Amino acid sequence: MTADDRTVRIRVRLFARQRELAGAREVVLELTTGAAIEDAWSALAALVPAIASGRPFVRFARNGEYADADTPLADGDEVACIPPISGGAGKEDSAGDDPVIRRFELRADPFPATFARELADAVATPADGAVVVFEGRTRSTPGTPAPGEEAEAARHAGHSVESLQYEALEPLVRRVWETIADDVAVRFGVRRLAIVHRTGDVPLGEASVIIVAAAPHRDAAFAAARHAMDETKARAPIWKAEQFADGHVWIGDPARTDSPKERHG
């Protein structure tokens, strides 16, 4: 048996605070054949001891899909270590008079002044009597620091946030949004949904996320928009750092890797 037969070579991607602690966006590891994601984390923590204490709050993805820590790894796999998260593509399908229309996008550029209206017009159909638009904007008051960021947050206590910085694991964000849209269709009967989120630097007062839900009736549209926003914050691997005059603080909670239906039913 050769050395190659006894090992697997994987790529580990790092984000937000982990990326900063490691000083790199990715690390290549060579592990024993049969190793699982947890083994990859242990090897990574041996290389970067500063990240070890964050293990209870880390979730994982393998090759763009959320995965448990005991998931076995194969040669060439990509593992994303997902620290606490902050809280264009599309899909159209025709189902008689109730078409499915979805618009999902991560974009680095600011939203044009007319962007929310353009999204609403793209998503809604003549059958829709309600179009709900939610626009999330950056604010000056700090949020809850991610685990491990408490000391840095305390250093900036009483200071105003000057801007926000976002980064995202794009392929998995899009898959999560598709799952959220499926949830919305089952729970509320809403088949037309748009979610667009900024990446990079977002100045104070600018929109960082826009959600549009269109439905024949207002109750369903309101419920769908709220659910899509809540689930995006809880499940989509998007990270947010609050920028202060002399530093920044990563914000968020451990990612939830399943839908409410999967957890309770």
C-alpha atoms as a PDB file:
ATOM      1  CA  MET A   1       0.000   0.000   0.000  1.00  0.00           C
ATOM      2  CA  THR A   2       1.396   3.397  -0.986  1.00  0.00           C
ATOM      3  CA  ALA A   3       1.303   6.580   1.088  1.00  0.00           C
ATOM      4  CA  ASP A   4      -1.319   7.952  -1.295  1.00  0.00           C
ATOM      5  CA  ASP A   5      -3.563   4.974  -0.524  1.00  0.00           C
ATOM      6  CA  ARG A   6      -3.379   5.738   3.187  1.00  0.00           C
ATOM      7  CA  THR A   7      -4.189   9.457   3.070  1.00  0.00           C
ATOM      8  CA  VAL A   8      -6.713  11.893   1.674  1.00  0.00           C
ATOM      9  CA  ARG A   9      -5.963  15.481   0.756  1.00  0.00           C
ATOM     10  CA  ILE A  10      -8.726  18.022   1.487  1.00  0.00           C
ATOM     11  CA  ARG A  11      -9.182  21.779   1.305  1.00  0.00           C
ATOM     12  CA  VAL A  12     -10.588  23.609   4.346  1.00  0.00           C
ATOM     13  CA  ARG A  13     -12.169  27.028   3.808  1.00  0.00           C
ATOM     14  CA  LEU A  14     -12.277  29.586   6.629  1.00  0.00           C
ATOM     15  CA  PHE A  15     -14.487  32.607   7.133  1.00  0.00           C
ATOM     16  CA  ALA A  16     -14.904  35.687   9.302  1.00  0.00           C
ATOM     17  CA  ARG A  17     -13.090  35.445  12.666  1.00  0.00           C
ATOM     18  CA  GLN A  18     -11.553  32.045  11.850  1.00  0.00           C
ATOM     19  CA  ARG A  19     -10.061  33.461   8.657  1.00  0.00           C
ATOM     20  CA  GLU A  20      -8.526  36.309  10.608  1.00  0.00           C
ATOM     21  CA  LEU A  21      -7.098  34.029  13.309  1.00  0.00           C
ATOM     22  CA  ALA A  22      -5.585  31.670  10.726  1.00  0.00           C
ATOM     23  CA  GLY A  23      -4.350  34.471   8.479  1.00  0.00           C
ATOM     24  CA  ALA A  24      -5.623  32.536   5.474  1.00  0.00           C
ATOM     25  CA  ARG A  25      -8.858  31.871   3.603  1.00  0.00           C
ATOM     26  CA  GLU A  26      -8.102  28.186   3.160  1.00  0.00           C
ATOM     27  CA  VAL A  27      -5.802  25.446   4.425  1.00  0.00           C
ATOM     28  CA  VAL A  28      -4.875  22.186   2.703  1.00  0.00           C
ATOM     29  CA  LEU A  29      -4.751  19.168   5.013  1.00  0.00           C
ATOM     30  CA  GLU A  30      -3.550  15.619   4.528  1.00  0.00           C
ATOM     31  CA  LEU A  31      -5.533  13.165   6.663  1.00  0.00           C
ATOM     32  CA  THR A  32      -5.643   9.420   7.185  1.00  0.00           C
ATOM     33  CA  THR A  33      -8.051   7.560   4.916  1.00  0.00           C
ATOM     34  CA  GLY A  34     -11.385   7.169   6.702  1.00  0.00           C
ATOM     35  CA  ALA A  35     -11.048  10.518   8.467  1.00  0.00           C
ATOM     36  CA  ALA A  36     -14.206  12.504   9.169  1.00  0.00           C
ATOM     37  CA  ILE A  37     -14.881  16.223   9.281  1.00  0.00           C
ATOM     38  CA  GLU A  38     -14.192  16.254  13.021  1.00  0.00           C
ATOM     39  CA  ASP A  39     -10.705  14.917  12.309  1.00  0.00           C
ATOM     40  CA  ALA A  40     -10.166  17.752   9.857  1.00  0.00           C
ATOM     41  CA  TRP A  41     -11.179  20.247  12.525  1.00  0.00           C
ATOM     42  CA  SER A  42      -8.760  18.664  15.020  1.00  0.00           C
ATOM     43  CA  ALA A  43      -5.921  18.884  12.489  1.00  0.00           C
ATOM     44  CA  LEU A  44      -6.811  22.488  11.757  1.00  0.00           C
ATOM     45  CA  ALA A  45      -6.930  23.365  15.466  1.00  0.00           C
ATOM     46  CA  ALA A  46      -3.477  21.826  15.884  1.00  0.00           C
ATOM     47  CA  LEU A  47      -2.188  24.190  13.204  1.00  0.00           C
ATOM     48  CA  VAL A  48      -4.142  27.210  14.493  1.00  0.00           C
ATOM     49  CA  PRO A  49      -4.659  26.706  18.249  1.00  0.00           C
ATOM     50  CA  ALA A  50      -6.480  30.028  18.600  1.00  0.00           C
ATOM     51  CA  ILE A  51      -9.562  28.621  16.856  1.00  0.00           C
ATOM     52  CA  ALA A  52      -9.915  25.531  19.075  1.00  0.00           C
ATOM     53  CA  SER A  53     -12.152  27.189  21.677  1.00  0.00           C
ATOM     54  CA  GLY A  54     -14.714  28.028  19.018  1.00  0.00           C
ATOM     55  CA  ARG A  55     -15.586  24.391  18.260  1.00  0.00           C
ATOM     56  CA  PRO A  56     -18.994  24.351  20.096  1.00  0.00           C
ATOM     57  CA  PHE A  57     -20.213  27.129  17.818  1.00  0.00           C
ATOM     58  CA  VAL A  58     -18.884  25.847  14.484  1.00  0.00           C
ATOM     59  CA  ARG A  59     -20.976  24.123  11.840  1.00  0.00           C
ATOM     60  CA  PHE A  60     -19.601  22.405   8.737  1.00  0.00           C
ATOM     61  CA  ALA A  61     -20.314  21.971   5.045  1.00  0.00           C
ATOM     62  CA  ARG A  62     -18.791  19.375   2.742  1.00  0.00           C
ATOM     63  CA  ASN A  63     -18.666  20.183  -0.955  1.00  0.00           C
ATOM     64  CA  GLY A  64     -21.263  22.925  -0.604  1.00  0.00           C
ATOM     65  CA  GLU A  65     -23.786  21.075   1.593  1.00  0.00           C
ATOM     66  CA  TYR A  66     -24.248  21.252   5.351  1.00  0.00           C
ATOM     67  CA  ALA A  67     -22.793  18.096   6.912  1.00  0.00           C
ATOM     68  CA  ASP A  68     -22.413  16.521  10.357  1.00  0.00           C
ATOM     69  CA  ALA A  69     -19.016  16.358  12.034  1.00  0.00           C
ATOM     70  CA  ASP A  70     -18.904  12.564  11.662  1.00  0.00           C
ATOM     71  CA  THR A  71     -19.272  12.731   7.856  1.00  0.00           C
ATOM     72  CA  PRO A  72     -16.390  10.796   6.236  1.00  0.00           C
ATOM     73  CA  LEU A  73     -14.076  12.606   3.843  1.00  0.00           C
ATOM     74  CA  ALA A  74     -12.750  11.580   0.450  1.00  0.00           C
ATOM     75  CA  ASP A  75      -9.701  12.774  -1.416  1.00  0.00           C
ATOM     76  CA  GLY A  76     -10.331  16.189  -2.986  1.00  0.00           C
ATOM     77  CA  ASP A  77     -13.217  17.161  -0.709  1.00  0.00           C
ATOM     78  CA  GLU A  78     -13.779  20.759   0.327  1.00  0.00           C
ATOM     79  CA  VAL A  79     -14.776  21.419   3.946  1.00  0.00           C
ATOM     80  CA  ALA A  80     -16.139  24.797   4.991  1.00  0.00           C
ATOM     81  CA  CYS A  81     -15.866  25.665   8.672  1.00  0.00           C
ATOM     82  CA  ILE A  82     -18.859  27.871   9.405  1.00  0.00           C
ATOM     83  CA  PRO A  83     -18.519  30.167  12.423  1.00  0.00           C
ATOM     84  CA  PRO A  84     -21.558  31.983  13.870  1.00  0.00           C
ATOM     85  CA  ILE A  85     -23.445  33.755  11.090  1.00  0.00           C
ATOM     86  CA  SER A  86     -25.099  37.162  10.909  1.00  0.00           C
ATOM     87  CA  GLY A  87     -28.063  37.078  10.763  1.00  0.00           C
ATOM     88  CA  GLY A  88     -28.131  36.808  -9.610  1.00  0.00           C
ATOM     89  CA  ALA A  89     -29.751  33.617 -10.025  1.00  0.00           C
ATOM     90  CA  GLY A  90     -33.347  32.698 -10.364  1.00  0.00           C
ATOM     91  CA  LYS A  91     -35.809  29.901 -10.776  1.00  0.00           C
ATOM     92  CA  GLU A  92     -39.013  30.026 -12.719  1.00  0.00           C
ATOM     93  CA  ASP A  93     -41.475  27.228 -13.219  1.00  0.00           C
ATOM     94  CA  SER A  94     -45.005  27.218 -14.506  1.00  0.00           C
ATOM     95  CA  ALA A  95     -47.779  25.475 -12.627  1.00  0.00           C
ATOM     96  CA  GLY A  96     -50.949  26.538 -14.384  1.00  0.00           C
ATOM     97  CA  ASP A  97     -52.065  29.946 -13.134  1.00  0.00           C
ATOM     98  CA  ASP A  98     -49.755  29.871 -10.085  1.00  0.00           C
ATOM     99  CA  PRO A  99     -46.179  30.057 -11.400  1.00  0.00           C
ATOM    100  CA  VAL A 100     -43.073  29.669  -9.271  1.00  0.00           C
ATOM    101  CA  ILE A 101     -40.841  32.738  -9.559  1.00  0.00           C
ATOM    102  CA  ARG A 102     -37.649  33.009  -7.499  1.00  0.00           C
ATOM    103  CA  ARG A 103     -34.818  35.532  -7.600  1.00  0.00           C
ATOM    104  CA  PHE A 104     -31.741  34.970  -5.416  1.00  0.00           C
ATOM    105  CA  GLU A 105     -28.585  37.059  -5.606  1.00  0.00           C
ATOM    106  CA  LEU A 106     -25.477  38.011  -3.662  1.00  0.00           C
ATOM    107  CA  ARG A 107     -24.111  41.305  -4.935  1.00  0.00           C
ATOM    108  CA  ALA A 108     -21.176  43.531  -4.019  1.00  0.00           C
ATOM    109  CA  ASP A 109     -22.622  46.676  -5.615  1.00  0.00           C
ATOM    110  CA  PRO A 110     -25.033  49.023  -3.798  1.00  0.00           C
ATOM    111  CA  PHE A 111     -28.718  48.605  -4.562  1.00  0.00           C
ATOM    112  CA  PRO A 112     -29.992  51.227  -7.036  1.00  0.00           C
ATOM    113  CA  ALA A 113     -32.722  53.495  -5.685  1.00  0.00           C
ATOM    114  CA  THR A 114     -35.337  51.672  -7.782  1.00  0.00           C
ATOM    115  CA  PHE A 115     -34.068  48.159  -7.080  1.00  0.00           C
ATOM    116  CA  ALA A 116     -36.812  47.089  -4.632  1.00  0.00           C
ATOM    117  CA  ARG A 117     -39.503  48.171  -7.103  1.00  0.00           C
ATOM    118  CA  GLU A 118     -37.739  46.349  -9.922  1.00  0.00           C
ATOM    119  CA  LEU A 119     -37.620  43.165  -7.834  1.00  0.00           C
ATOM    120  CA  ALA A 120     -41.294  43.485  -6.974  1.00  0.00           C
ATOM    121  CA  ASP A 121     -42.213  43.915 -10.633  1.00  0.00           C
ATOM    122  CA  ALA A 122     -40.054  40.909 -11.590  1.00  0.00           C
ATOM    123  CA  VAL A 123     -41.578  38.620  -8.974  1.00  0.00           C
ATOM    124  CA  ALA A 124     -45.261  39.565  -8.902  1.00  0.00           C
ATOM    125  CA  THR A 125     -47.864  38.331 -11.369  1.00  0.00           C
ATOM    126  CA  PRO A 126     -51.284  39.789 -12.258  1.00  0.00           C
ATOM    127  CA  ALA A 127     -52.823  37.297  -9.813  1.00  0.00           C
ATOM    128  CA  ASP A 128     -50.938  38.793  -6.856  1.00  0.00           C
ATOM    129  CA  GLY A 129     -52.913  41.301  -4.823  1.00  0.00           C
ATOM    130  CA  ALA A 130     -50.132  41.720  -2.237  1.00  0.00           C
ATOM    131  CA  VAL A 131     -46.421  42.406  -2.648  1.00  0.00           C
ATOM    132  CA  VAL A 132     -44.464  42.754   0.600  1.00  0.00           C
ATOM    133  CA  VAL A 133     -40.988  44.313   0.428  1.00  0.00           C
ATOM    134  CA  PHE A 134     -38.633  44.108   3.404  1.00  0.00           C
ATOM    135  CA  GLU A 135     -35.470  46.204   3.325  1.00  0.00           C
ATOM    136  CA  GLY A 136     -32.844  45.624   6.005  1.00  0.00           C
ATOM    137  CA  ARG A 137     -30.472  48.568   6.553  1.00  0.00           C
ATOM    138  CA  THR A 138     -27.231  48.986   8.437  1.00  0.00           C
ATOM    139  CA  ARG A 139     -27.674  50.700  11.784  1.00  0.00           C
ATOM    140  CA  SER A 140     -25.356  52.505  14.185  1.00  0.00           C
ATOM    141  CA  THR A 141     -26.228  50.445  17.282  1.00  0.00           C
ATOM    142  CA  PRO A 142     -24.133  47.283  17.834  1.00  0.00           C
ATOM    143  CA  GLY A 143     -25.569  43.783  17.728  1.00  0.00           C
ATOM    144  CA  THR A 144     -24.742  40.655  19.708  1.00  0.00           C
ATOM    145  CA  PRO A 145     -21.071  39.652  19.320  1.00  0.00           C
ATOM    146  CA  ALA A 146     -20.271  36.191  18.009  1.00  0.00           C
ATOM    147  CA  PRO A 147     -18.769  33.732  20.511  1.00  0.00           C
ATOM    148  CA  GLY A 148     -15.136  34.665  21.047  1.00  0.00           C
ATOM    149  CA  GLU A 149     -15.714  38.313  20.148  1.00  0.00           C
ATOM    150  CA  GLU A 150     -16.906  39.431  23.600  1.00  0.00           C
ATOM    151  CA  ALA A 151     -13.653  41.122  24.614  1.00  0.00           C
ATOM    152  CA  GLU A 152     -13.424  43.044  21.351  1.00  0.00           C
ATOM    153  CA  ALA A 153     -17.061  44.080  21.685  1.00  0.00           C
ATOM    154  CA  ALA A 154     -16.406  45.333  25.208  1.00  0.00           C
ATOM    155  CA  ARG A 155     -13.538  47.443  23.876  1.00  0.00           C
ATOM    156  CA  HIS A 156     -15.984  49.216  21.560  1.00  0.00           C
ATOM    157  CA  ALA A 157     -18.810  49.509  24.105  1.00  0.00           C
ATOM    158  CA  GLY A 158     -20.574  52.839  23.808  1.00  0.00           C
ATOM    159  CA  HIS A 159     -19.190  53.503  20.314  1.00  0.00           C
ATOM    160  CA  SER A 160     -21.325  53.768  17.187  1.00  0.00           C
ATOM    161  CA  VAL A 161     -21.030  51.351  14.279  1.00  0.00           C
ATOM    162  CA  GLU A 162     -19.663  53.156  11.210  1.00  0.00           C
ATOM    163  CA  SER A 163     -20.328  50.518   8.569  1.00  0.00           C
ATOM    164  CA  LEU A 164     -20.844  46.786   8.101  1.00  0.00           C
ATOM    165  CA  GLN A 165     -18.825  44.230   6.181  1.00  0.00           C
ATOM    166  CA  TYR A 166     -20.372  41.020   4.843  1.00  0.00           C
ATOM    167  CA  GLU A 167     -18.901  37.832   3.406  1.00  0.00           C
ATOM    168  CA  ALA A 168     -20.705  34.695   2.267  1.00  0.00           C
ATOM    169  CA  LEU A 169     -20.238  31.080   1.200  1.00  0.00           C
ATOM    170  CA  GLU A 170     -22.081  31.625  -2.074  1.00  0.00           C
ATOM    171  CA  PRO A 171     -22.991  28.114  -3.312  1.00  0.00           C
ATOM    172  CA  LEU A 172     -24.403  27.107   0.082  1.00  0.00           C
ATOM    173  CA  VAL A 173     -26.248  30.415   0.534  1.00  0.00           C
ATOM    174  CA  ARG A 174     -28.096  29.773  -2.710  1.00  0.00           C
ATOM    175  CA  ARG A 175     -29.009  26.211  -1.682  1.00  0.00           C
ATOM    176  CA  VAL A 176     -30.295  27.454   1.675  1.00  0.00           C
ATOM    177  CA  TRP A 177     -32.409  30.089  -0.057  1.00  0.00           C
ATOM    178  CA  GLU A 178     -33.937  27.431  -2.300  1.00  0.00           C
ATOM    179  CA  THR A 179     -34.818  25.395   0.792  1.00  0.00           C
ATOM    180  CA  ILE A 180     -36.310  28.480   2.474  1.00  0.00           C
ATOM    181  CA  ALA A 181     -38.390  29.162  -0.633  1.00  0.00           C
ATOM    182  CA  ASP A 182     -39.635  25.577  -0.526  1.00  0.00           C
ATOM    183  CA  ASP A 183     -40.588  26.109   3.145  1.00  0.00           C
ATOM    184  CA  VAL A 184     -42.449  29.286   2.241  1.00  0.00           C
ATOM    185  CA  ALA A 185     -44.394  27.502  -0.500  1.00  0.00           C
ATOM    186  CA  VAL A 186     -45.455  24.689   1.855  1.00  0.00           C
ATOM    187  CA  ARG A 187     -46.209  26.830   4.914  1.00  0.00           C
ATOM    188  CA  PHE A 188     -47.875  29.826   3.329  1.00  0.00           C
ATOM    189  CA  GLY A 189     -48.681  28.836  -0.239  1.00  0.00           C
ATOM    190  CA  VAL A 190     -46.395  31.628  -1.498  1.00  0.00           C
ATOM    191  CA  ARG A 191     -44.598  30.664  -4.703  1.00  0.00           C
ATOM    192  CA  ARG A 192     -42.989  33.969  -5.645  1.00  0.00           C
ATOM    193  CA  LEU A 193     -40.013  35.134  -3.615  1.00  0.00           C
ATOM    194  CA  ALA A 194     -36.870  37.226  -4.045  1.00  0.00           C
ATOM    195  CA  ILE A 195     -33.896  37.480  -1.676  1.00  0.00           C
ATOM    196  CA  VAL A 196     -30.925  39.708  -2.517  1.00  0.00           C
ATOM    197  CA  HIS A 197     -28.086  40.288  -0.039  1.00  0.00           C
ATOM    198  CA  ARG A 198     -25.060  42.572  -0.188  1.00  0.00           C
ATOM    199  CA  THR A 199     -21.472  41.420   0.287  1.00  0.00           C
ATOM    200  CA  GLY A 200     -18.428  43.534   1.046  1.00  0.00           C
ATOM    201  CA  ASP A 201     -18.631  46.936   2.731  1.00  0.00           C
ATOM    202  CA  VAL A 202     -22.055  48.493   3.324  1.00  0.00           C
ATOM    203  CA  PRO A 203     -22.054  52.084   4.644  1.00  0.00           C
ATOM    204  CA  LEU A 204     -24.308  53.143   7.499  1.00  0.00           C
ATOM    205  CA  GLY A 205     -27.915  53.622   6.453  1.00  0.00           C
ATOM    206  CA  GLU A 206     -27.672  51.642   3.205  1.00  0.00           C
ATOM    207  CA  ALA A 207     -29.724  48.530   2.501  1.00  0.00           C
ATOM    208  CA  SER A 208     -27.903  45.237   3.033  1.00  0.00           C
ATOM    209  CA  VAL A 209     -30.782  42.874   2.209  1.00  0.00           C
ATOM    210  CA  ILE A 210     -34.063  43.072   0.313  1.00  0.00           C
ATOM    211  CA  ILE A 211     -36.766  40.426   0.454  1.00  0.00           C
ATOM    212  CA  VAL A 212     -39.871  40.457  -1.737  1.00  0.00           C
ATOM    213  CA  ALA A 213     -42.820  38.088  -1.322  1.00  0.00           C
ATOM    214  CA  ALA A 214     -45.780  38.185  -3.713  1.00  0.00           C
ATOM    215  CA  ALA A 215     -49.100  36.406  -3.160  1.00  0.00           C
ATOM    216  CA  PRO A 216     -52.782  36.817  -3.901  1.00  0.00           C
ATOM    217  CA  HIS A 217     -53.478  37.863  -0.282  1.00  0.00           C
ATOM    218  CA  ARG A 218     -51.605  40.066   2.191  1.00  0.00           C
ATOM    219  CA  ASP A 219     -51.497  37.714   5.205  1.00  0.00           C
ATOM    220  CA  ALA A 220     -49.549  35.090   3.276  1.00  0.00           C
ATOM    221  CA  ALA A 221     -47.213  37.660   1.731  1.00  0.00           C
ATOM    222  CA  PHE A 222     -46.393  39.244   5.110  1.00  0.00           C
ATOM    223  CA  ALA A 223     -45.796  35.838   6.720  1.00  0.00           C
ATOM    224  CA  ALA A 224     -43.614  34.653   3.840  1.00  0.00           C
ATOM    225  CA  ALA A 225     -41.402  37.751   3.886  1.00  0.00           C
ATOM    226  CA  ARG A 226     -40.881  37.512   7.646  1.00  0.00           C
ATOM    227  CA  HIS A 227     -40.136  33.781   7.501  1.00  0.00           C
ATOM    228  CA  ALA A 228     -37.648  34.263   4.652  1.00  0.00           C
ATOM    229  CA  MET A 229     -35.792  36.959   6.595  1.00  0.00           C
ATOM    230  CA  ASP A 230     -35.750  35.038   9.875  1.00  0.00           C
ATOM    231  CA  GLU A 231     -34.541  31.850   8.200  1.00  0.00           C
ATOM    232  CA  THR A 232     -31.895  33.685   6.179  1.00  0.00           C
ATOM    233  CA  LYS A 233     -30.432  35.097   9.389  1.00  0.00           C
ATOM    234  CA  ALA A 234     -30.549  31.691  11.105  1.00  0.00           C
ATOM    235  CA  ARG A 235     -29.377  29.394   8.297  1.00  0.00           C
ATOM    236  CA  ALA A 236     -27.598  31.157   5.436  1.00  0.00           C
ATOM    237  CA  PRO A 237     -23.777  31.230   5.796  1.00  0.00           C
ATOM    238  CA  ILE A 238     -23.438  35.017   5.638  1.00  0.00           C
ATOM    239  CA  TRP A 239     -21.103  36.741   8.088  1.00  0.00           C
ATOM    240  CA  LYS A 240     -21.306  40.315   9.342  1.00  0.00           C
ATOM    241  CA  ALA A 241     -18.613  42.446  10.957  1.00  0.00           C
ATOM    242  CA  GLU A 242     -19.460  45.760  12.584  1.00  0.00           C
ATOM    243  CA  GLN A 243     -16.805  48.313  11.695  1.00  0.00           C
ATOM    244  CA  PHE A 244     -15.745  50.902  14.281  1.00  0.00           C
ATOM    245  CA  ALA A 245     -13.223  53.715  14.009  1.00  0.00           C
ATOM    246  CA  ASP A 246     -10.413  51.520  15.363  1.00  0.00           C
ATOM    247  CA  GLY A 247     -11.472  47.929  14.766  1.00  0.00           C
ATOM    248  CA  HIS A 248     -14.328  45.554  14.069  1.00  0.00           C
ATOM    249  CA  VAL A 249     -16.491  42.928  15.790  1.00  0.00           C
ATOM    250  CA  TRP A 250     -17.982  39.812  14.175  1.00  0.00           C
ATOM    251  CA  ILE A 251     -21.677  39.405  14.953  1.00  0.00           C
ATOM    252  CA  GLY A 252     -23.921  36.351  15.137  1.00  0.00           C
ATOM    253  CA  ASP A 253     -24.925  32.964  16.472  1.00  0.00           C
ATOM    254  CA  PRO A 254     -24.103  29.373  15.467  1.00  0.00           C
ATOM    255  CA  ALA A 255     -25.752  28.477  12.182  1.00  0.00           C
ATOM    256  CA  ARG A 256     -28.855  26.317  12.202  1.00  0.00           C
ATOM    257  CA  THR A 257     -28.401  23.610   9.579  1.00  0.00           C
ATOM    258  CA  ASP A 258     -32.009  22.422   9.236  1.00  0.00           C
ATOM    259  CA  SER A 259     -35.441  23.906   8.682  1.00  0.00           C
ATOM    260  CA  PRO A 260     -38.028  24.287  11.493  1.00  0.00           C
ATOM    261  CA  LYS A 261     -40.087  21.517   9.875  1.00  0.00           C
ATOM    262  CA  GLU A 262     -37.123  19.132   9.973  1.00  0.00           C
ATOM    263  CA  ARG A 263     -36.489  19.909  13.637  1.00  0.00           C
ATOM    264  CA  HIS A 264     -40.085  19.663  14.851  1.00  0.00           C
ATOM    265  CA  GLY A 265     -41.757  17.318  12.446  1.00  0.00           C
END
